[in-house]
Amino acid sequence: MSANDDLPWIPPLLEFLRDAVRRDVPVIGHCLGGQLMSRAFGGEVRVNPVREIGWGEVRVADNGVARDWLGDLQSFQTFQWHGDTFSIPPGATRVLEGEHCANQAFAIGRHLGMQCHVEMTPELVRTWLSTGQKEIVEHGKSPAVQPPAEIEKDLDTRLERLHEIADRIYDRWTANLSRGS
C-alpha cells in the first residue's frame, strides 16, 4: 500500500492529520503513517530507490530536535518493511536517517513521523514474513532485503533492544499528550 494510492479514505485521513496539528494534538505515525503525515504536512511520498525488508541501522540526526527525542543515542538497529519513502515536510526536522532510505523519521512540533518500525513484536515479524514471502523473493536482490532466516536470527535480542528505543520514543510522545497546548 502507498500513501499515494487512490483510496477513498486517504483524503479524509490527511485532513484529520492536518486538523490534529492545527489543534496541537500530538500525532505519531509508523511507515505508512509517517508517509501519510508527510503528505498531510506538505511533503511528498515516492518510491524509494531500494526496497527495505529486515533489520537495518538508522542514525540519529545531528540536531537538537533529534536529541530531544532520542537523547545522546547515535544509531540503532530497527525493523524495515517498505518500498516508498517520504520527504521531510516544510517546517519539520529530520530525526533519523539511513543508508538506503535517507528520511527515516521527522518531527514537527509535538508530532513524529517514522519510516522505520520500532513497534515490532515476534508475532508481527513472523506474520509479515509469512504473508510477505512473495515480496521478499521479488526484491531479494535489493541490498536492503534480508532473507527470512537472517530476519529471524537473534529475534528476541534484537526486539529487546528495539523496545528500549521504542520506549524512549513513546515516553517522549506520551509526555506530549499530557502537556498543555
N, C-alpha and C. Protein backbone atom coordinates (compact mmCIF):
# COMPACT_ATOMS: atom_id res chain seq x y z
N MET A 1 0.84 -1.18 0.00
CA MET A 1 0.00 0.00 0.00
C MET A 1 0.88 1.24 0.00
N SER A 2 0.42 2.26 -0.65
CA SER A 2 1.15 3.53 -0.72
C SER A 2 0.26 4.66 -0.25
N ALA A 3 0.88 5.66 0.34
CA ALA A 3 0.15 6.87 0.73
C ALA A 3 -0.37 7.61 -0.49
N ASN A 4 0.10 7.23 -1.69
CA ASN A 4 -0.35 7.86 -2.93
C ASN A 4 -1.47 7.08 -3.61
N ASP A 5 -1.86 5.95 -3.04
CA ASP A 5 -2.94 5.16 -3.65
C ASP A 5 -4.24 5.97 -3.69
N ASP A 6 -5.01 5.74 -4.73
CA ASP A 6 -6.29 6.44 -4.91
C ASP A 6 -7.36 5.68 -4.13
N LEU A 7 -7.36 5.86 -2.82
CA LEU A 7 -8.31 5.18 -1.94
C LEU A 7 -9.21 6.22 -1.29
N PRO A 8 -10.50 5.91 -1.13
CA PRO A 8 -11.44 6.92 -0.64
C PRO A 8 -11.15 7.41 0.78
N TRP A 9 -10.46 6.63 1.59
CA TRP A 9 -10.23 7.04 2.98
C TRP A 9 -8.98 7.90 3.16
N ILE A 10 -8.13 8.00 2.13
CA ILE A 10 -6.88 8.76 2.29
C ILE A 10 -7.13 10.27 2.41
N PRO A 11 -7.89 10.93 1.52
CA PRO A 11 -8.09 12.38 1.69
C PRO A 11 -8.67 12.77 3.05
N PRO A 12 -9.71 12.07 3.56
CA PRO A 12 -10.19 12.45 4.89
C PRO A 12 -9.16 12.23 5.99
N LEU A 13 -8.33 11.19 5.85
CA LEU A 13 -7.29 10.94 6.85
C LEU A 13 -6.24 12.04 6.81
N LEU A 14 -5.87 12.50 5.61
CA LEU A 14 -4.90 13.60 5.51
C LEU A 14 -5.45 14.85 6.19
N GLU A 15 -6.73 15.14 6.00
CA GLU A 15 -7.33 16.30 6.65
C GLU A 15 -7.41 16.10 8.17
N PHE A 16 -7.68 14.88 8.61
CA PHE A 16 -7.69 14.56 10.04
C PHE A 16 -6.33 14.87 10.66
N LEU A 17 -5.25 14.47 9.97
CA LEU A 17 -3.90 14.73 10.47
C LEU A 17 -3.62 16.23 10.52
N ARG A 18 -4.01 16.95 9.48
CA ARG A 18 -3.81 18.41 9.47
C ARG A 18 -4.56 19.07 10.63
N ASP A 19 -5.78 18.59 10.86
CA ASP A 19 -6.58 19.15 11.94
C ASP A 19 -5.94 18.88 13.30
N ALA A 20 -5.37 17.69 13.47
CA ALA A 20 -4.69 17.37 14.73
C ALA A 20 -3.54 18.34 14.96
N VAL A 21 -2.79 18.64 13.91
CA VAL A 21 -1.67 19.58 14.05
C VAL A 21 -2.18 20.98 14.35
N ARG A 22 -3.25 21.39 13.66
CA ARG A 22 -3.82 22.72 13.95
C ARG A 22 -4.26 22.82 15.40
N ARG A 23 -4.77 21.74 15.94
CA ARG A 23 -5.24 21.72 17.34
C ARG A 23 -4.12 21.40 18.32
N ASP A 24 -2.92 21.13 17.80
CA ASP A 24 -1.74 20.76 18.59
C ASP A 24 -1.97 19.49 19.39
N VAL A 25 -2.68 18.53 18.78
CA VAL A 25 -2.85 17.21 19.36
C VAL A 25 -1.72 16.34 18.82
N PRO A 26 -0.85 15.80 19.68
CA PRO A 26 0.30 15.04 19.21
C PRO A 26 -0.11 13.84 18.34
N VAL A 27 0.61 13.69 17.23
CA VAL A 27 0.37 12.61 16.27
C VAL A 27 1.67 11.84 16.11
N ILE A 28 1.57 10.52 15.98
CA ILE A 28 2.73 9.68 15.71
C ILE A 28 2.35 8.71 14.59
N GLY A 29 3.26 8.45 13.69
CA GLY A 29 2.98 7.54 12.58
C GLY A 29 4.17 6.66 12.28
N HIS A 30 3.89 5.40 11.98
CA HIS A 30 4.91 4.42 11.61
C HIS A 30 4.71 4.03 10.15
N CYS A 31 5.76 4.05 9.37
CA CYS A 31 5.78 3.59 7.98
C CYS A 31 4.70 4.30 7.15
N LEU A 32 3.62 3.61 6.81
CA LEU A 32 2.55 4.25 6.05
C LEU A 32 2.02 5.47 6.81
N GLY A 33 1.94 5.36 8.12
CA GLY A 33 1.51 6.50 8.93
C GLY A 33 2.44 7.68 8.80
N GLY A 34 3.75 7.44 8.80
CA GLY A 34 4.72 8.51 8.60
C GLY A 34 4.62 9.10 7.20
N GLN A 35 4.37 8.25 6.21
CA GLN A 35 4.20 8.73 4.84
C GLN A 35 2.95 9.60 4.73
N LEU A 36 1.87 9.17 5.34
CA LEU A 36 0.64 9.97 5.32
C LEU A 36 0.85 11.31 6.04
N MET A 37 1.59 11.28 7.14
CA MET A 37 1.88 12.53 7.85
C MET A 37 2.68 13.47 6.96
N SER A 38 3.69 12.94 6.27
CA SER A 38 4.48 13.77 5.37
C SER A 38 3.59 14.43 4.32
N ARG A 39 2.74 13.64 3.69
CA ARG A 39 1.83 14.19 2.67
C ARG A 39 0.91 15.24 3.27
N ALA A 40 0.35 14.95 4.44
CA ALA A 40 -0.59 15.88 5.07
C ALA A 40 0.07 17.21 5.38
N PHE A 41 1.36 17.19 5.69
CA PHE A 41 2.06 18.39 6.11
C PHE A 41 2.84 19.05 4.97
N GLY A 42 2.60 18.62 3.72
CA GLY A 42 3.21 19.28 2.57
C GLY A 42 4.40 18.57 1.96
N GLY A 43 4.74 17.38 2.45
CA GLY A 43 5.83 16.60 1.88
C GLY A 43 5.33 15.74 0.73
N GLU A 44 6.23 14.94 0.20
CA GLU A 44 5.90 14.04 -0.91
C GLU A 44 6.25 12.61 -0.54
N VAL A 45 5.52 11.67 -1.11
CA VAL A 45 5.82 10.25 -0.97
C VAL A 45 6.15 9.73 -2.35
N ARG A 46 7.24 8.97 -2.42
CA ARG A 46 7.68 8.42 -3.71
C ARG A 46 8.30 7.05 -3.47
N VAL A 47 8.56 6.35 -4.56
CA VAL A 47 9.20 5.04 -4.47
C VAL A 47 10.64 5.25 -4.00
N ASN A 48 11.04 4.48 -3.00
CA ASN A 48 12.41 4.53 -2.51
C ASN A 48 13.34 3.86 -3.53
N PRO A 49 14.58 4.29 -3.66
CA PRO A 49 15.48 3.66 -4.63
C PRO A 49 15.63 2.14 -4.46
N VAL A 50 15.54 1.66 -3.23
CA VAL A 50 15.59 0.21 -2.98
C VAL A 50 14.51 -0.16 -1.97
N ARG A 51 14.04 -1.37 -2.07
CA ARG A 51 13.10 -1.91 -1.08
C ARG A 51 13.90 -2.21 0.19
N GLU A 52 13.31 -1.95 1.35
CA GLU A 52 13.94 -2.31 2.62
C GLU A 52 13.04 -3.30 3.34
N ILE A 53 13.58 -4.48 3.62
CA ILE A 53 12.86 -5.50 4.37
C ILE A 53 13.88 -6.17 5.29
N GLY A 54 13.64 -6.06 6.57
CA GLY A 54 14.53 -6.69 7.55
C GLY A 54 15.14 -5.66 8.48
N TRP A 55 16.27 -6.01 9.04
CA TRP A 55 16.94 -5.18 10.03
C TRP A 55 17.94 -4.25 9.37
N GLY A 56 17.98 -3.02 9.81
CA GLY A 56 18.95 -2.07 9.28
C GLY A 56 19.23 -0.98 10.28
N GLU A 57 20.40 -0.41 10.14
CA GLU A 57 20.80 0.65 11.05
C GLU A 57 20.21 1.99 10.61
N VAL A 58 19.76 2.75 11.57
CA VAL A 58 19.39 4.15 11.34
C VAL A 58 20.27 5.00 12.25
N ARG A 59 20.59 6.19 11.76
CA ARG A 59 21.40 7.12 12.53
C ARG A 59 20.52 8.26 13.04
N VAL A 60 20.80 8.68 14.24
CA VAL A 60 20.09 9.82 14.81
C VAL A 60 20.73 11.08 14.21
N ALA A 61 19.91 11.94 13.64
CA ALA A 61 20.40 13.17 13.02
C ALA A 61 21.09 14.04 14.06
N ASP A 62 22.03 14.84 13.61
CA ASP A 62 22.80 15.70 14.49
C ASP A 62 22.13 17.06 14.61
N ASN A 63 21.05 17.09 15.40
CA ASN A 63 20.36 18.36 15.64
C ASN A 63 19.63 18.29 16.98
N GLY A 64 19.23 19.42 17.49
CA GLY A 64 18.60 19.50 18.80
C GLY A 64 17.26 18.79 18.86
N VAL A 65 16.49 18.80 17.78
CA VAL A 65 15.19 18.12 17.77
C VAL A 65 15.39 16.62 17.92
N ALA A 66 16.34 16.06 17.18
CA ALA A 66 16.62 14.63 17.27
C ALA A 66 17.09 14.26 18.67
N ARG A 67 17.95 15.09 19.25
CA ARG A 67 18.43 14.81 20.61
C ARG A 67 17.29 14.92 21.62
N ASP A 68 16.34 15.82 21.38
CA ASP A 68 15.19 15.94 22.27
C ASP A 68 14.39 14.63 22.28
N TRP A 69 14.28 13.99 21.12
CA TRP A 69 13.53 12.73 21.03
C TRP A 69 14.34 11.53 21.50
N LEU A 70 15.66 11.52 21.22
CA LEU A 70 16.45 10.30 21.43
C LEU A 70 17.67 10.47 22.31
N GLY A 71 17.82 11.62 22.93
CA GLY A 71 18.95 11.82 23.84
C GLY A 71 20.28 11.73 23.12
N ASP A 72 21.25 11.09 23.76
CA ASP A 72 22.58 11.01 23.18
C ASP A 72 22.78 9.77 22.29
N LEU A 73 21.73 9.04 22.03
CA LEU A 73 21.80 7.87 21.15
C LEU A 73 22.27 8.32 19.77
N GLN A 74 23.18 7.57 19.17
CA GLN A 74 23.70 7.95 17.85
C GLN A 74 23.16 7.09 16.72
N SER A 75 22.88 5.82 17.00
CA SER A 75 22.33 4.93 15.97
C SER A 75 21.73 3.72 16.64
N PHE A 76 20.92 2.98 15.89
CA PHE A 76 20.36 1.73 16.39
C PHE A 76 19.85 0.90 15.22
N GLN A 77 19.67 -0.39 15.49
CA GLN A 77 19.09 -1.31 14.51
C GLN A 77 17.57 -1.26 14.66
N THR A 78 16.89 -1.12 13.54
CA THR A 78 15.43 -1.08 13.55
C THR A 78 14.90 -2.02 12.49
N PHE A 79 13.60 -2.22 12.49
CA PHE A 79 12.97 -3.10 11.52
C PHE A 79 12.40 -2.26 10.38
N GLN A 80 12.55 -2.77 9.17
CA GLN A 80 12.08 -2.08 7.98
C GLN A 80 11.20 -3.01 7.14
N TRP A 81 10.19 -2.45 6.53
CA TRP A 81 9.41 -3.17 5.52
C TRP A 81 8.67 -2.13 4.69
N HIS A 82 9.34 -1.62 3.67
CA HIS A 82 8.71 -0.59 2.85
C HIS A 82 9.37 -0.49 1.48
N GLY A 83 8.60 0.04 0.55
CA GLY A 83 9.09 0.32 -0.79
C GLY A 83 9.03 1.80 -1.13
N ASP A 84 8.25 2.56 -0.38
CA ASP A 84 8.12 4.00 -0.58
C ASP A 84 8.89 4.74 0.52
N THR A 85 9.06 6.01 0.31
CA THR A 85 9.67 6.87 1.32
C THR A 85 9.01 8.24 1.25
N PHE A 86 9.27 9.05 2.25
CA PHE A 86 8.69 10.40 2.30
C PHE A 86 9.79 11.45 2.29
N SER A 87 9.41 12.65 1.87
CA SER A 87 10.31 13.80 2.04
C SER A 87 10.01 14.41 3.40
N ILE A 88 10.97 15.18 3.89
CA ILE A 88 10.75 15.90 5.15
C ILE A 88 9.86 17.09 4.83
N PRO A 89 8.67 17.18 5.43
CA PRO A 89 7.75 18.27 5.08
C PRO A 89 8.28 19.63 5.53
N PRO A 90 7.80 20.70 4.90
CA PRO A 90 8.21 22.06 5.30
C PRO A 90 7.96 22.28 6.79
N GLY A 91 8.93 22.85 7.47
CA GLY A 91 8.80 23.14 8.89
C GLY A 91 9.17 21.99 9.80
N ALA A 92 9.41 20.81 9.24
CA ALA A 92 9.79 19.64 10.03
C ALA A 92 11.30 19.50 10.05
N THR A 93 11.79 18.66 10.95
CA THR A 93 13.22 18.41 11.10
C THR A 93 13.48 16.91 11.03
N ARG A 94 14.48 16.53 10.25
CA ARG A 94 14.86 15.10 10.18
C ARG A 94 15.37 14.67 11.55
N VAL A 95 14.88 13.50 12.00
CA VAL A 95 15.28 12.94 13.29
C VAL A 95 16.14 11.68 13.08
N LEU A 96 15.78 10.86 12.09
CA LEU A 96 16.53 9.64 11.78
C LEU A 96 16.83 9.59 10.30
N GLU A 97 17.98 8.98 9.96
CA GLU A 97 18.35 8.80 8.55
C GLU A 97 18.98 7.42 8.39
N GLY A 98 18.96 6.91 7.16
CA GLY A 98 19.52 5.60 6.91
C GLY A 98 20.28 5.55 5.61
N GLU A 99 21.05 4.48 5.45
CA GLU A 99 21.88 4.32 4.25
C GLU A 99 21.04 4.14 2.99
N HIS A 100 19.99 3.33 3.07
CA HIS A 100 19.21 3.00 1.88
C HIS A 100 17.94 3.84 1.75
N CYS A 101 17.62 4.57 2.81
CA CYS A 101 16.44 5.43 2.82
C CYS A 101 16.80 6.63 3.70
N ALA A 102 17.07 7.75 3.06
CA ALA A 102 17.62 8.90 3.78
C ALA A 102 16.69 9.39 4.90
N ASN A 103 15.40 9.44 4.64
CA ASN A 103 14.46 10.01 5.61
C ASN A 103 13.77 8.89 6.38
N GLN A 104 14.24 8.64 7.59
CA GLN A 104 13.67 7.58 8.43
C GLN A 104 12.72 8.10 9.50
N ALA A 105 12.84 9.37 9.85
CA ALA A 105 11.89 9.97 10.80
C ALA A 105 12.04 11.48 10.76
N PHE A 106 10.91 12.15 11.05
CA PHE A 106 10.91 13.61 11.15
C PHE A 106 10.02 14.01 12.31
N ALA A 107 10.30 15.18 12.84
CA ALA A 107 9.45 15.75 13.88
C ALA A 107 9.04 17.14 13.43
N ILE A 108 7.81 17.46 13.76
CA ILE A 108 7.30 18.80 13.53
C ILE A 108 6.50 19.15 14.79
N GLY A 109 7.06 20.00 15.60
CA GLY A 109 6.43 20.29 16.88
C GLY A 109 6.37 19.04 17.73
N ARG A 110 5.18 18.70 18.20
CA ARG A 110 4.99 17.54 19.08
C ARG A 110 4.67 16.26 18.31
N HIS A 111 4.86 16.28 17.01
CA HIS A 111 4.44 15.19 16.14
C HIS A 111 5.66 14.47 15.56
N LEU A 112 5.57 13.14 15.44
CA LEU A 112 6.68 12.34 14.94
C LEU A 112 6.20 11.38 13.87
N GLY A 113 6.81 11.45 12.69
CA GLY A 113 6.54 10.52 11.60
C GLY A 113 7.77 9.67 11.37
N MET A 114 7.58 8.35 11.32
CA MET A 114 8.70 7.42 11.14
C MET A 114 8.48 6.57 9.90
N GLN A 115 9.55 6.27 9.19
CA GLN A 115 9.51 5.29 8.11
C GLN A 115 9.75 3.90 8.68
N CYS A 116 10.63 3.81 9.66
CA CYS A 116 11.01 2.53 10.25
C CYS A 116 9.95 2.06 11.25
N HIS A 117 10.11 0.80 11.64
CA HIS A 117 9.18 0.17 12.59
C HIS A 117 9.87 -0.08 13.91
N VAL A 118 9.49 0.67 14.94
CA VAL A 118 10.01 0.42 16.29
C VAL A 118 9.00 -0.36 17.13
N GLU A 119 7.84 -0.62 16.57
CA GLU A 119 6.73 -1.23 17.32
C GLU A 119 6.64 -2.74 17.17
N MET A 120 7.63 -3.37 16.58
CA MET A 120 7.54 -4.79 16.22
C MET A 120 7.53 -5.72 17.43
N THR A 121 6.85 -6.84 17.24
CA THR A 121 6.82 -7.94 18.21
C THR A 121 7.22 -9.21 17.46
N PRO A 122 7.57 -10.29 18.17
CA PRO A 122 7.89 -11.53 17.46
C PRO A 122 6.74 -11.99 16.57
N GLU A 123 5.51 -11.84 17.06
CA GLU A 123 4.35 -12.27 16.28
C GLU A 123 4.20 -11.45 15.00
N LEU A 124 4.39 -10.15 15.11
CA LEU A 124 4.30 -9.29 13.91
C LEU A 124 5.36 -9.67 12.89
N VAL A 125 6.61 -9.82 13.34
CA VAL A 125 7.69 -10.18 12.42
C VAL A 125 7.35 -11.48 11.71
N ARG A 126 6.94 -12.49 12.45
CA ARG A 126 6.66 -13.80 11.85
C ARG A 126 5.44 -13.76 10.93
N THR A 127 4.45 -12.98 11.28
CA THR A 127 3.27 -12.84 10.40
C THR A 127 3.66 -12.16 9.10
N TRP A 128 4.43 -11.07 9.20
CA TRP A 128 4.85 -10.38 7.98
C TRP A 128 5.72 -11.27 7.11
N LEU A 129 6.59 -12.06 7.74
CA LEU A 129 7.42 -12.99 6.96
C LEU A 129 6.56 -14.02 6.24
N SER A 130 5.53 -14.48 6.91
CA SER A 130 4.64 -15.48 6.32
C SER A 130 3.83 -14.88 5.17
N THR A 131 3.26 -13.71 5.39
CA THR A 131 2.41 -13.11 4.36
C THR A 131 3.20 -12.37 3.29
N GLY A 132 4.47 -12.06 3.57
CA GLY A 132 5.27 -11.27 2.64
C GLY A 132 6.34 -12.05 1.89
N GLN A 133 6.22 -13.37 1.88
CA GLN A 133 7.24 -14.19 1.21
C GLN A 133 7.44 -13.80 -0.25
N LYS A 134 6.36 -13.57 -0.96
CA LYS A 134 6.45 -13.22 -2.38
C LYS A 134 7.24 -11.91 -2.57
N GLU A 135 6.97 -10.94 -1.73
CA GLU A 135 7.66 -9.65 -1.82
C GLU A 135 9.16 -9.81 -1.55
N ILE A 136 9.51 -10.65 -0.58
CA ILE A 136 10.93 -10.89 -0.28
C ILE A 136 11.62 -11.52 -1.49
N VAL A 137 10.97 -12.50 -2.11
CA VAL A 137 11.55 -13.16 -3.29
C VAL A 137 11.68 -12.17 -4.45
N GLU A 138 10.62 -11.39 -4.70
CA GLU A 138 10.63 -10.43 -5.81
C GLU A 138 11.73 -9.37 -5.68
N HIS A 139 12.05 -8.99 -4.44
CA HIS A 139 13.01 -7.90 -4.21
C HIS A 139 14.28 -8.40 -3.53
N GLY A 140 14.52 -9.69 -3.61
CA GLY A 140 15.65 -10.31 -2.92
C GLY A 140 17.01 -9.79 -3.34
N LYS A 141 17.10 -9.16 -4.51
CA LYS A 141 18.40 -8.63 -4.95
C LYS A 141 18.68 -7.24 -4.39
N SER A 142 17.71 -6.65 -3.75
CA SER A 142 17.93 -5.34 -3.13
C SER A 142 18.99 -5.50 -2.03
N PRO A 143 19.91 -4.55 -1.93
CA PRO A 143 20.92 -4.64 -0.87
C PRO A 143 20.32 -4.48 0.54
N ALA A 144 19.05 -4.11 0.62
CA ALA A 144 18.43 -3.88 1.92
C ALA A 144 17.29 -4.86 2.21
N VAL A 145 17.23 -5.97 1.46
CA VAL A 145 16.24 -7.02 1.73
C VAL A 145 16.98 -8.25 2.24
N GLN A 146 16.59 -8.69 3.42
CA GLN A 146 17.23 -9.85 4.04
C GLN A 146 16.36 -11.09 3.86
N PRO A 147 16.98 -12.26 3.77
CA PRO A 147 16.21 -13.50 3.74
C PRO A 147 15.56 -13.73 5.12
N PRO A 148 14.46 -14.47 5.14
CA PRO A 148 13.75 -14.70 6.40
C PRO A 148 14.64 -15.23 7.53
N ALA A 149 15.56 -16.14 7.21
CA ALA A 149 16.42 -16.69 8.27
C ALA A 149 17.25 -15.60 8.93
N GLU A 150 17.72 -14.63 8.14
CA GLU A 150 18.51 -13.53 8.71
C GLU A 150 17.61 -12.60 9.53
N ILE A 151 16.41 -12.38 9.08
CA ILE A 151 15.48 -11.52 9.82
C ILE A 151 15.15 -12.13 11.17
N GLU A 152 15.00 -13.45 11.21
CA GLU A 152 14.63 -14.13 12.46
C GLU A 152 15.81 -14.41 13.38
N LYS A 153 17.04 -14.27 12.87
CA LYS A 153 18.23 -14.55 13.66
C LYS A 153 18.28 -13.61 14.87
N ASP A 154 18.44 -14.18 16.06
CA ASP A 154 18.52 -13.41 17.30
C ASP A 154 17.33 -12.47 17.47
N LEU A 155 16.15 -12.91 17.03
CA LEU A 155 14.97 -12.05 17.01
C LEU A 155 14.64 -11.48 18.38
N ASP A 156 14.64 -12.32 19.40
CA ASP A 156 14.26 -11.81 20.74
C ASP A 156 15.23 -10.76 21.24
N THR A 157 16.53 -10.97 21.02
CA THR A 157 17.54 -10.00 21.45
C THR A 157 17.40 -8.70 20.68
N ARG A 158 17.21 -8.81 19.36
CA ARG A 158 17.04 -7.60 18.55
C ARG A 158 15.81 -6.81 18.97
N LEU A 159 14.71 -7.54 19.21
CA LEU A 159 13.48 -6.85 19.61
C LEU A 159 13.60 -6.23 21.00
N GLU A 160 14.31 -6.89 21.89
CA GLU A 160 14.52 -6.32 23.22
C GLU A 160 15.23 -4.97 23.12
N ARG A 161 16.27 -4.91 22.31
CA ARG A 161 17.00 -3.64 22.10
C ARG A 161 16.09 -2.61 21.43
N LEU A 162 15.32 -3.05 20.43
CA LEU A 162 14.43 -2.13 19.73
C LEU A 162 13.36 -1.59 20.67
N HIS A 163 12.86 -2.43 21.57
CA HIS A 163 11.83 -1.97 22.51
C HIS A 163 12.37 -0.91 23.46
N GLU A 164 13.66 -0.94 23.78
CA GLU A 164 14.25 0.11 24.60
C GLU A 164 14.16 1.46 23.87
N ILE A 165 14.43 1.42 22.57
CA ILE A 165 14.32 2.65 21.75
C ILE A 165 12.86 3.07 21.65
N ALA A 166 11.99 2.10 21.37
CA ALA A 166 10.56 2.40 21.26
C ALA A 166 10.04 3.02 22.55
N ASP A 167 10.45 2.46 23.70
CA ASP A 167 10.01 3.03 24.98
C ASP A 167 10.44 4.48 25.11
N ARG A 168 11.65 4.79 24.67
CA ARG A 168 12.14 6.17 24.74
C ARG A 168 11.28 7.08 23.87
N ILE A 169 11.00 6.63 22.66
CA ILE A 169 10.19 7.43 21.73
C ILE A 169 8.77 7.60 22.26
N TYR A 170 8.16 6.49 22.69
CA TYR A 170 6.77 6.57 23.16
C TYR A 170 6.66 7.34 24.47
N ASP A 171 7.67 7.22 25.35
CA ASP A 171 7.65 8.02 26.58
C ASP A 171 7.68 9.51 26.24
N ARG A 172 8.52 9.87 25.29
CA ARG A 172 8.62 11.28 24.86
C ARG A 172 7.30 11.74 24.24
N TRP A 173 6.73 10.87 23.40
CA TRP A 173 5.49 11.22 22.72
C TRP A 173 4.33 11.33 23.72
N THR A 174 4.22 10.38 24.64
CA THR A 174 3.11 10.42 25.61
C THR A 174 3.26 11.60 26.56
N ALA A 175 4.48 12.04 26.83
CA ALA A 175 4.66 13.26 27.64
C ALA A 175 4.01 14.44 26.93
N ASN A 176 4.04 14.41 25.60
CA ASN A 176 3.38 15.46 24.83
C ASN A 176 1.86 15.44 25.00
N LEU A 177 1.32 14.26 25.26
CA LEU A 177 -0.14 14.15 25.41
C LEU A 177 -0.62 14.89 26.65
N SER A 178 0.18 14.85 27.71
CA SER A 178 -0.26 15.48 28.95
C SER A 178 0.14 16.95 29.04
N ARG A 179 1.01 17.39 28.12
CA ARG A 179 1.45 18.79 28.11
C ARG A 179 0.34 19.66 27.54
N GLY A 180 0.05 20.74 28.17
CA GLY A 180 -0.98 21.66 27.66
C GLY A 180 -0.54 22.31 26.36
N SER A 181 -1.51 22.81 25.62
CA SER A 181 -1.21 23.48 24.35
C SER A 181 -0.47 24.76 24.55
